[in-house]
C-alpha atoms as a PDB file:
ATOM      1  CA  MET A   1      -4.894  19.579  12.470  1.00  0.00           C
ATOM      2  CA  PHE A   2      -2.953  16.709  14.039  1.00  0.00           C
ATOM      3  CA  TYR A   3      -2.029  15.492  10.551  1.00  0.00           C
ATOM      4  CA  TYR A   4      -0.138  18.723   9.877  1.00  0.00           C
ATOM      5  CA  VAL A   5       1.498  18.699  13.320  1.00  0.00           C
ATOM      6  CA  LEU A   6       2.809  15.191  12.567  1.00  0.00           C
ATOM      7  CA  LYS A   7       3.889  16.124   9.066  1.00  0.00           C
ATOM      8  CA  TYR A   8       5.622  19.426   9.703  1.00  0.00           C
ATOM      9  CA  VAL A   9       6.598  19.371  13.384  1.00  0.00           C
ATOM     10  CA  LEU A  10       6.862  15.888  14.887  1.00  0.00           C
ATOM     11  CA  LEU A  11       7.333  13.029  12.438  1.00  0.00           C
ATOM     12  CA  GLY A  12       8.010  14.525   9.010  1.00  0.00           C
ATOM     13  CA  PRO A  13      11.256  16.374   9.817  1.00  0.00           C
ATOM     14  CA  LEU A  14      12.607  13.352  11.726  1.00  0.00           C
ATOM     15  CA  LEU A  15      11.901  10.967   8.837  1.00  0.00           C
ATOM     16  CA  ARG A  16      13.507  13.281   6.292  1.00  0.00           C
ATOM     17  CA  LEU A  17      16.564  13.660   8.543  1.00  0.00           C
ATOM     18  CA  LEU A  18      17.025   9.940   9.229  1.00  0.00           C
ATOM     19  CA  PHE A  19      16.227   8.433   5.828  1.00  0.00           C
ATOM     20  CA  ARG A  20      17.160  11.371   3.540  1.00  0.00           C
ATOM     21  CA  PRO A  21      14.689  10.172   0.909  1.00  0.00           C
ATOM     22  CA  ARG A  22      15.546  10.754  -2.730  1.00  0.00           C
ATOM     23  CA  ILE A  23      12.408  12.095  -4.362  1.00  0.00           C
ATOM     24  CA  GLU A  24      11.990  11.596  -8.083  1.00  0.00           C
ATOM     25  CA  GLY A  25       9.116  12.710 -10.299  1.00  0.00           C
ATOM     26  CA  LEU A  26       7.331  14.766  -7.635  1.00  0.00           C
ATOM     27  CA  GLU A  27       6.123  17.086 -10.400  1.00  0.00           C
ATOM     28  CA  HIS A  28       3.829  14.281 -11.571  1.00  0.00           C
ATOM     29  CA  VAL A  29       1.653  14.585  -8.458  1.00  0.00           C
ATOM     30  CA  PRO A  30      -1.046  17.181  -9.245  1.00  0.00           C
ATOM     31  CA  ASP A  31      -1.019  20.323  -7.107  1.00  0.00           C
ATOM     32  CA  GLU A  32      -4.794  20.269  -6.793  1.00  0.00           C
ATOM     33  CA  GLY A  33      -7.801  18.151  -7.671  1.00  0.00           C
ATOM     34  CA  ALA A  34      -8.635  14.527  -7.042  1.00  0.00           C
ATOM     35  CA  ALA A  35      -6.134  11.830  -7.985  1.00  0.00           C
ATOM     36  CA  ILE A  36      -5.088   8.358  -6.893  1.00  0.00           C
ATOM     37  CA  VAL A  37      -1.493   7.584  -5.932  1.00  0.00           C
ATOM     38  CA  ALA A  38      -1.026   3.831  -6.436  1.00  0.00           C
ATOM     39  CA  GLY A  39       2.164   2.310  -5.095  1.00  0.00           C
ATOM     40  CA  ASN A  40       3.968  -0.854  -4.151  1.00  0.00           C
ATOM     41  CA  HIS A  41       3.892  -1.839  -0.502  1.00  0.00           C
ATOM     42  CA  LEU A  42       7.110  -3.205   0.944  1.00  0.00           C
ATOM     43  CA  SER A  43       7.210  -2.020   4.529  1.00  0.00           C
ATOM     44  CA  PHE A  44       5.254  -0.542   7.425  1.00  0.00           C
ATOM     45  CA  SER A  45       7.474   2.509   6.897  1.00  0.00           C
ATOM     46  CA  ASP A  46       5.720   3.227   3.585  1.00  0.00           C
ATOM     47  CA  HIS A  47       2.753   4.666   5.504  1.00  0.00           C
ATOM     48  CA  PHE A  48       4.944   7.439   6.877  1.00  0.00           C
ATOM     49  CA  LEU A  49       7.578   8.139   4.246  1.00  0.00           C
ATOM     50  CA  MET A  50       5.296   8.972   1.320  1.00  0.00           C
ATOM     51  CA  PRO A  51       3.092  11.442   3.248  1.00  0.00           C
ATOM     52  CA  ALA A  52       6.222  13.031   4.706  1.00  0.00           C
ATOM     53  CA  ILE A  53       7.535  14.099   1.302  1.00  0.00           C
ATOM     54  CA  LEU A  54       4.267  15.125  -0.368  1.00  0.00           C
ATOM     55  CA  ALA A  55       3.227  18.770  -0.162  1.00  0.00           C
ATOM     56  CA  ARG A  56      -0.444  17.772  -0.295  1.00  0.00           C
ATOM     57  CA  ARG A  57      -2.299  15.742   2.265  1.00  0.00           C
ATOM     58  CA  ILE A  58      -2.874  12.141   1.188  1.00  0.00           C
ATOM     59  CA  THR A  59      -5.427   9.779   2.708  1.00  0.00           C
ATOM     60  CA  PHE A  60      -4.710   6.067   2.643  1.00  0.00           C
ATOM     61  CA  LEU A  61      -7.062   3.159   2.868  1.00  0.00           C
ATOM     62  CA  ALA A  62      -5.418   1.277   5.751  1.00  0.00           C
ATOM     63  CA  LYS A  63      -6.170  -2.264   6.866  1.00  0.00           C
ATOM     64  CA  ALA A  64      -8.643  -2.473   9.744  1.00  0.00           C
ATOM     65  CA  GLU A  65      -6.153  -4.430  11.877  1.00  0.00           C
ATOM     66  CA  TYR A  66      -4.204  -1.209  12.435  1.00  0.00           C
ATOM     67  CA  PHE A  67      -7.228   0.136  14.326  1.00  0.00           C
ATOM     68  CA  THR A  68      -8.073  -2.936  16.396  1.00  0.00           C
ATOM     69  CA  GLY A  69      -4.756  -4.117  17.825  1.00  0.00           C
ATOM     70  CA  PRO A  70      -4.627  -5.179  21.503  1.00  0.00           C
ATOM     71  CA  GLY A  71      -2.803  -3.506  24.369  1.00  0.00           C
ATOM     72  CA  LEU A  72      -1.044  -0.168  24.587  1.00  0.00           C
ATOM     73  CA  LYS A  73       0.706  -0.604  21.249  1.00  0.00           C
ATOM     74  CA  GLY A  74      -2.611  -1.298  19.548  1.00  0.00           C
ATOM     75  CA  ARG A  75      -4.261   1.758  21.071  1.00  0.00           C
ATOM     76  CA  LEU A  76      -1.364   4.003  20.127  1.00  0.00           C
ATOM     77  CA  THR A  77      -1.307   2.673  16.560  1.00  0.00           C
ATOM     78  CA  ALA A  78      -5.067   3.175  16.195  1.00  0.00           C
ATOM     79  CA  ALA A  79      -4.859   6.697  17.613  1.00  0.00           C
ATOM     80  CA  PHE A  80      -2.082   7.578  15.194  1.00  0.00           C
ATOM     81  CA  PHE A  81      -3.908   6.321  12.114  1.00  0.00           C
ATOM     82  CA  ARG A  82      -7.172   7.995  13.107  1.00  0.00           C
ATOM     83  CA  SER A  83      -5.439  11.300  13.868  1.00  0.00           C
ATOM     84  CA  ALA A  84      -3.679  11.159  10.515  1.00  0.00           C
ATOM     85  CA  GLY A  85      -7.063  10.797   8.789  1.00  0.00           C
ATOM     86  CA  GLN A  86      -6.481   7.275   7.514  1.00  0.00           C
ATOM     87  CA  ILE A  87      -9.509   5.113   6.738  1.00  0.00           C
ATOM     88  CA  PRO A  88      -9.868   1.568   8.134  1.00  0.00           C
ATOM     89  CA  VAL A  89     -10.735  -1.085   5.549  1.00  0.00           C
ATOM     90  CA  ASP A  90     -11.946  -4.590   6.318  1.00  0.00           C
ATOM     91  CA  ARG A  91     -10.207  -6.811   3.761  1.00  0.00           C
ATOM     92  CA  SER A  92     -12.340  -9.926   4.271  1.00  0.00           C
ATOM     93  CA  GLY A  93     -14.991 -10.747   1.689  1.00  0.00           C
ATOM     94  CA  ARG A  94     -16.645  -9.180  -1.343  1.00  0.00           C
ATOM     95  CA  GLU A  95     -18.738  -6.661   0.624  1.00  0.00           C
ATOM     96  CA  ALA A  96     -15.593  -5.428   2.343  1.00  0.00           C
ATOM     97  CA  GLY A  97     -14.152  -4.600  -1.078  1.00  0.00           C
ATOM     98  CA  ARG A  98     -17.266  -2.628  -1.993  1.00  0.00           C
ATOM     99  CA  ALA A  99     -17.023  -0.702   1.291  1.00  0.00           C
ATOM    100  CA  ALA A 100     -13.399   0.190   0.548  1.00  0.00           C
ATOM    101  CA  ILE A 101     -14.395   1.492  -2.887  1.00  0.00           C
ATOM    102  CA  ARG A 102     -17.146   3.639  -1.336  1.00  0.00           C
ATOM    103  CA  GLU A 103     -14.701   5.107   1.173  1.00  0.00           C
ATOM    104  CA  GLY A 104     -12.130   5.821  -1.522  1.00  0.00           C
ATOM    105  CA  LEU A 105     -14.696   7.471  -3.778  1.00  0.00           C
ATOM    106  CA  GLY A 106     -15.714   9.675  -0.868  1.00  0.00           C
ATOM    107  CA  VAL A 107     -12.129  10.954  -0.579  1.00  0.00           C
ATOM    108  CA  LEU A 108     -11.941  11.592  -4.325  1.00  0.00           C
ATOM    109  CA  SER A 109     -15.316  13.373  -4.386  1.00  0.00           C
ATOM    110  CA  ARG A 110     -13.797  15.998  -2.081  1.00  0.00           C
ATOM    111  CA  GLY A 111     -11.019  16.683  -4.582  1.00  0.00           C
ATOM    112  CA  GLU A 112      -8.344  15.054  -2.412  1.00  0.00           C
ATOM    113  CA  LEU A 113      -5.440  12.674  -2.948  1.00  0.00           C
ATOM    114  CA  LEU A 114      -6.155   9.019  -2.254  1.00  0.00           C
ATOM    115  CA  GLY A 115      -3.307   6.622  -1.557  1.00  0.00           C
ATOM    116  CA  ILE A 116      -3.788   2.938  -2.261  1.00  0.00           C
ATOM    117  CA  TYR A 117      -1.658  -0.196  -2.434  1.00  0.00           C
ATOM    118  CA  PRO A 118      -3.242  -2.298  -5.210  1.00  0.00           C
ATOM    119  CA  GLU A 119      -1.486  -5.468  -4.002  1.00  0.00           C
ATOM    120  CA  GLY A 120      -3.774  -5.365  -0.966  1.00  0.00           C
ATOM    121  CA  THR A 121      -1.057  -6.284   1.529  1.00  0.00           C
ATOM    122  CA  ARG A 122       2.639  -5.834   2.142  1.00  0.00           C
ATOM    123  CA  SER A 123       4.982  -7.923   0.035  1.00  0.00           C
ATOM    124  CA  HIS A 124       6.505 -10.599   2.273  1.00  0.00           C
ATOM    125  CA  ASP A 125       9.550 -11.152   0.040  1.00  0.00           C
ATOM    126  CA  GLY A 126      10.198  -7.860  -1.740  1.00  0.00           C
ATOM    127  CA  ARG A 127       8.571  -8.884  -5.036  1.00  0.00           C
ATOM    128  CA  LEU A 128       5.687  -7.049  -6.735  1.00  0.00           C
ATOM    129  CA  TYR A 129       2.419  -8.949  -6.864  1.00  0.00           C
ATOM    130  CA  LYS A 130      -0.735  -8.844  -8.965  1.00  0.00           C
ATOM    131  CA  GLY A 131      -2.961  -5.860  -8.269  1.00  0.00           C
ATOM    132  CA  LYS A 132      -6.558  -6.037  -7.121  1.00  0.00           C
ATOM    133  CA  VAL A 133      -9.057  -4.268  -9.352  1.00  0.00           C
ATOM    134  CA  GLY A 134     -10.507  -1.845  -6.788  1.00  0.00           C
ATOM    135  CA  VAL A 135      -8.031   0.830  -7.854  1.00  0.00           C
ATOM    136  CA  ALA A 136      -9.304   0.598 -11.437  1.00  0.00           C
ATOM    137  CA  VAL A 137     -12.964   0.739 -10.401  1.00  0.00           C
ATOM    138  CA  MET A 138     -12.341   3.905  -8.379  1.00  0.00           C
ATOM    139  CA  ALA A 139     -10.278   5.567 -11.102  1.00  0.00           C
ATOM    140  CA  LEU A 140     -12.922   4.914 -13.748  1.00  0.00           C
ATOM    141  CA  ARG A 141     -15.937   5.743 -11.603  1.00  0.00           C
ATOM    142  CA  ALA A 142     -14.414   8.993 -10.300  1.00  0.00           C
ATOM    143  CA  GLY A 143     -12.766   9.882 -13.616  1.00  0.00           C
ATOM    144  CA  VAL A 144      -9.437  10.722 -11.988  1.00  0.00           C
ATOM    145  CA  PRO A 145      -5.809  10.130 -13.008  1.00  0.00           C
ATOM    146  CA  VAL A 146      -3.662   7.495 -11.330  1.00  0.00           C
ATOM    147  CA  VAL A 147      -0.106   8.431 -10.362  1.00  0.00           C
ATOM    148  CA  PRO A 148       2.101   5.317 -10.071  1.00  0.00           C
ATOM    149  CA  CYS A 149       4.567   5.362  -7.199  1.00  0.00           C
ATOM    150  CA  ALA A 150       7.477   3.127  -6.222  1.00  0.00           C
ATOM    151  CA  MET A 151       9.028   2.890  -2.789  1.00  0.00           C
ATOM    152  CA  VAL A 152      12.599   1.702  -3.286  1.00  0.00           C
ATOM    153  CA  GLY A 153      14.672   0.462  -0.352  1.00  0.00           C
ATOM    154  CA  THR A 154      11.939   0.315   2.282  1.00  0.00           C
ATOM    155  CA  PHE A 155      11.891  -3.496   2.299  1.00  0.00           C
ATOM    156  CA  GLU A 156      15.576  -3.451   3.228  1.00  0.00           C
ATOM    157  CA  ILE A 157      15.119  -0.968   6.064  1.00  0.00           C
ATOM    158  CA  GLN A 158      12.063  -2.667   7.591  1.00  0.00           C
ATOM    159  CA  PRO A 159      11.088  -6.102   6.247  1.00  0.00           C
ATOM    160  CA  PRO A 160       8.050  -7.864   7.752  1.00  0.00           C
ATOM    161  CA  GLY A 161       8.604  -8.741  11.389  1.00  0.00           C
ATOM    162  CA  GLN A 162      11.188  -6.046  12.075  1.00  0.00           C
ATOM    163  CA  VAL A 163       9.879  -3.539  14.609  1.00  0.00           C
ATOM    164  CA  LEU A 164      12.398  -0.729  14.264  1.00  0.00           C
ATOM    165  CA  PRO A 165      13.630   0.313  10.810  1.00  0.00           C
ATOM    166  CA  ARG A 166      17.286   0.401   9.870  1.00  0.00           C
ATOM    167  CA  ILE A 167      18.632   3.857   9.153  1.00  0.00           C
ATOM    168  CA  LYS A 168      19.328   3.810   5.438  1.00  0.00           C
ATOM    169  CA  ARG A 169      18.533   6.088   2.520  1.00  0.00           C
ATOM    170  CA  VAL A 170      15.414   5.284   0.487  1.00  0.00           C
ATOM    171  CA  THR A 171      13.915   6.491  -2.780  1.00  0.00           C
ATOM    172  CA  VAL A 172      10.343   7.561  -3.489  1.00  0.00           C
ATOM    173  CA  ARG A 173       9.690   7.641  -7.232  1.00  0.00           C
ATOM    174  CA  PHE A 174       6.551   8.952  -8.972  1.00  0.00           C
ATOM    175  CA  GLY A 175       5.635   8.284 -12.581  1.00  0.00           C
ATOM    176  CA  GLU A 176       3.568  10.223 -15.082  1.00  0.00           C
ATOM    177  CA  PRO A 177      -0.184  10.248 -14.355  1.00  0.00           C
ATOM    178  CA  LEU A 178      -2.134   7.542 -16.157  1.00  0.00           C
ATOM    179  CA  ASP A 179      -5.292   8.719 -17.930  1.00  0.00           C
ATOM    180  CA  PHE A 180      -8.051   6.147 -18.311  1.00  0.00           C
ATOM    181  CA  SER A 181     -10.769   8.462 -19.643  1.00  0.00           C
ATOM    182  CA  ARG A 182     -10.992   6.259 -22.741  1.00  0.00           C
ATOM    183  CA  TYR A 183     -12.675   3.657 -20.526  1.00  0.00           C
ATOM    184  CA  ALA A 184     -15.231   6.059 -18.992  1.00  0.00           C
ATOM    185  CA  GLY A 185     -18.414   4.272 -17.927  1.00  0.00           C
ATOM    186  CA  MET A 186     -16.859   0.812 -18.268  1.00  0.00           C
ATOM    187  CA  GLU A 187     -16.000   0.193 -14.609  1.00  0.00           C
ATOM    188  CA  ASN A 188     -18.402  -2.777 -14.473  1.00  0.00           C
ATOM    189  CA  GLU A 189     -16.694  -4.668 -17.278  1.00  0.00           C
ATOM    190  CA  LYS A 190     -14.331  -7.239 -15.812  1.00  0.00           C
ATOM    191  CA  ALA A 191     -11.922  -7.292 -18.745  1.00  0.00           C
ATOM    192  CA  VAL A 192     -11.587  -3.507 -18.663  1.00  0.00           C
ATOM    193  CA  VAL A 193     -10.892  -3.168 -14.931  1.00  0.00           C
ATOM    194  CA  ARG A 194      -8.388  -6.028 -15.146  1.00  0.00           C
ATOM    195  CA  ALA A 195      -6.594  -4.354 -18.048  1.00  0.00           C
ATOM    196  CA  VAL A 196      -6.523  -0.987 -16.252  1.00  0.00           C
ATOM    197  CA  THR A 197      -5.194  -2.583 -13.065  1.00  0.00           C
ATOM    198  CA  ASP A 198      -2.472  -4.418 -14.985  1.00  0.00           C
ATOM    199  CA  GLU A 199      -1.447  -1.186 -16.697  1.00  0.00           C
ATOM    200  CA  ILE A 200      -1.122   0.507 -13.311  1.00  0.00           C
ATOM    201  CA  MET A 201       0.948  -2.360 -11.922  1.00  0.00           C
ATOM    202  CA  TYR A 202       3.196  -2.350 -14.972  1.00  0.00           C
ATOM    203  CA  ALA A 203       3.863   1.358 -14.435  1.00  0.00           C
ATOM    204  CA  VAL A 204       4.751   0.661 -10.785  1.00  0.00           C
ATOM    205  CA  LEU A 205       6.983  -2.216 -11.915  1.00  0.00           C
ATOM    206  CA  ARG A 206       8.908   0.016 -14.306  1.00  0.00           C
ATOM    207  CA  LEU A 207       9.520   2.512 -11.511  1.00  0.00           C
ATOM    208  CA  SER A 208      10.484  -0.022  -8.838  1.00  0.00           C
ATOM    209  CA  GLY A 209      12.497  -2.578 -10.819  1.00  0.00           C
ATOM    210  CA  GLN A 210      11.047  -5.402  -8.698  1.00  0.00           C
ATOM    211  CA  GLU A 211      10.531  -8.964  -9.796  1.00  0.00           C
ATOM    212  CA  TYR A 212       6.862  -9.413 -10.725  1.00  0.00           C
ATOM    213  CA  VAL A 213       4.629 -12.300  -9.660  1.00  0.00           C
ATOM    214  CA  ASP A 214       1.325 -12.720 -11.513  1.00  0.00           C
ATOM    215  CA  ARG A 215      -0.496 -13.931  -8.421  1.00  0.00           C
ATOM    216  CA  TYR A 216      -2.118 -12.220  -5.464  1.00  0.00           C
ATOM    217  CA  ALA A 217       0.265 -11.588  -2.580  1.00  0.00           C
ATOM    218  CA  ALA A 218      -2.194 -12.795   0.049  1.00  0.00           C
ATOM    219  CA  GLU A 219      -2.494 -16.189  -1.660  1.00  0.00           C
ATOM    220  CA  VAL A 220       1.259 -16.695  -1.924  1.00  0.00           C
ATOM    221  CA  LYS A 221       1.763 -15.529   1.643  1.00  0.00           C
ATOM    222  CA  ALA A 222      -0.888 -17.964   2.914  1.00  0.00           C
ATOM    223  CA  GLU A 223       0.757 -20.847   1.038  1.00  0.00           C
ATOM    224  CA  GLU A 224       4.137 -19.998   2.536  1.00  0.00           C
ATOM    225  CA  GLN A 225       2.661 -19.852   6.026  1.00  0.00           C
ATOM    226  CA  GLU A 226       1.050 -23.255   5.480  1.00  0.00           C
ATOM    227  CA  ARG A 227       4.352 -24.751   4.305  1.00  0.00           C
ATOM    228  CA  GLN A 228       6.051 -23.403   7.422  1.00  0.00           C
ATOM    229  CA  ARG A 229       3.288 -24.830   9.599  1.00  0.00           C
ATOM    230  CA  VAL A 230       3.668 -28.273   8.019  1.00  0.00           C
ATOM    231  CA  ARG A 231       7.457 -28.196   8.450  1.00  0.00           C
ATOM    232  CA  ARG A 232       6.961 -27.602  12.167  1.00  0.00           C
ATOM    233  CA  LEU A 233       4.747 -30.668  12.570  1.00  0.00           C
ATOM    234  CA  PRO A 234       6.251 -33.697  14.382  1.00  0.00           C
ATOM    235  CA  GLY A 235       7.999 -36.022  11.957  1.00  0.00           C
ATOM    236  CA  ARG A 236       8.204 -33.335   9.257  1.00  0.00           C
ATOM    237  CA  GLY A 237      11.702 -32.155  10.001  1.00  0.00           C
ATOM    238  CA  GLY A 238      10.440 -29.211  12.032  1.00  0.00           C
ATOM    239  CA  GLY A 239      12.055 -30.098  15.313  1.00  0.00           C
ATOM    240  CA  GLY A 240       9.276 -32.321  16.662  1.00  0.00           C
ATOM    241  CA  ALA A 241       9.569 -35.892  17.822  1.00  0.00           C
ATOM    242  CA  PRO A 242      10.504 -38.302  15.024  1.00  0.00           C
ATOM    243  CA  ARG A 243       7.952 -40.726  13.690  1.00  0.00           C
ATOM    244  CA  GLN A 244       8.227 -44.326  14.751  1.00  0.00           C
ATOM    245  CA  GLY A 245       8.656 -46.680  11.799  1.00  0.00           C
END
């Protein structure tokens, strides 16, 4: 019930008024039945803008950190995500990935829409990164179509680290559903799930127009954080005391 109060009374109308989203290809989202909406992930705002413009309810697999944050902000964020029916996912380790797949399949088994960001994390620089194969495993195991989606402009309104979004028009673009029935029963074959995932990411790429990086976003982000850490070390040009020769 709270989901619909947020969507139609509290948050949805405000988001549509402020950001005036252009919606393209909405007819590609099925009116009923299970399907996966797979999109790029550029901003915290993505969690709100896509559900606000869809007629159907969509359930996202959301990172567990949204449900465990400290202080008042953390409690409010957790309450919001739980009330909106979003599912926490632990992203650490192989078993965590299996748990996410089980949760997603549960949503699909009820004939609902499942939202997923195949990159696994927000892009830290606005580029599109290699997709993780969980989306392919779920699509093949559940036998459902995948609707590619591109959020365009959300990185500019709220890049990582910015608390409040800038007020600027954004675009939400949906592509034609991808049918992978030709791979039915092959969800345990690594080459197949990789090929399916890459096809999904290519469809998202065509919709978004982003630069593509054939590496996982989390790996690149970790390397960048390490480089920044090293630059801050004394004697590394990061503002510390200079080394004595």
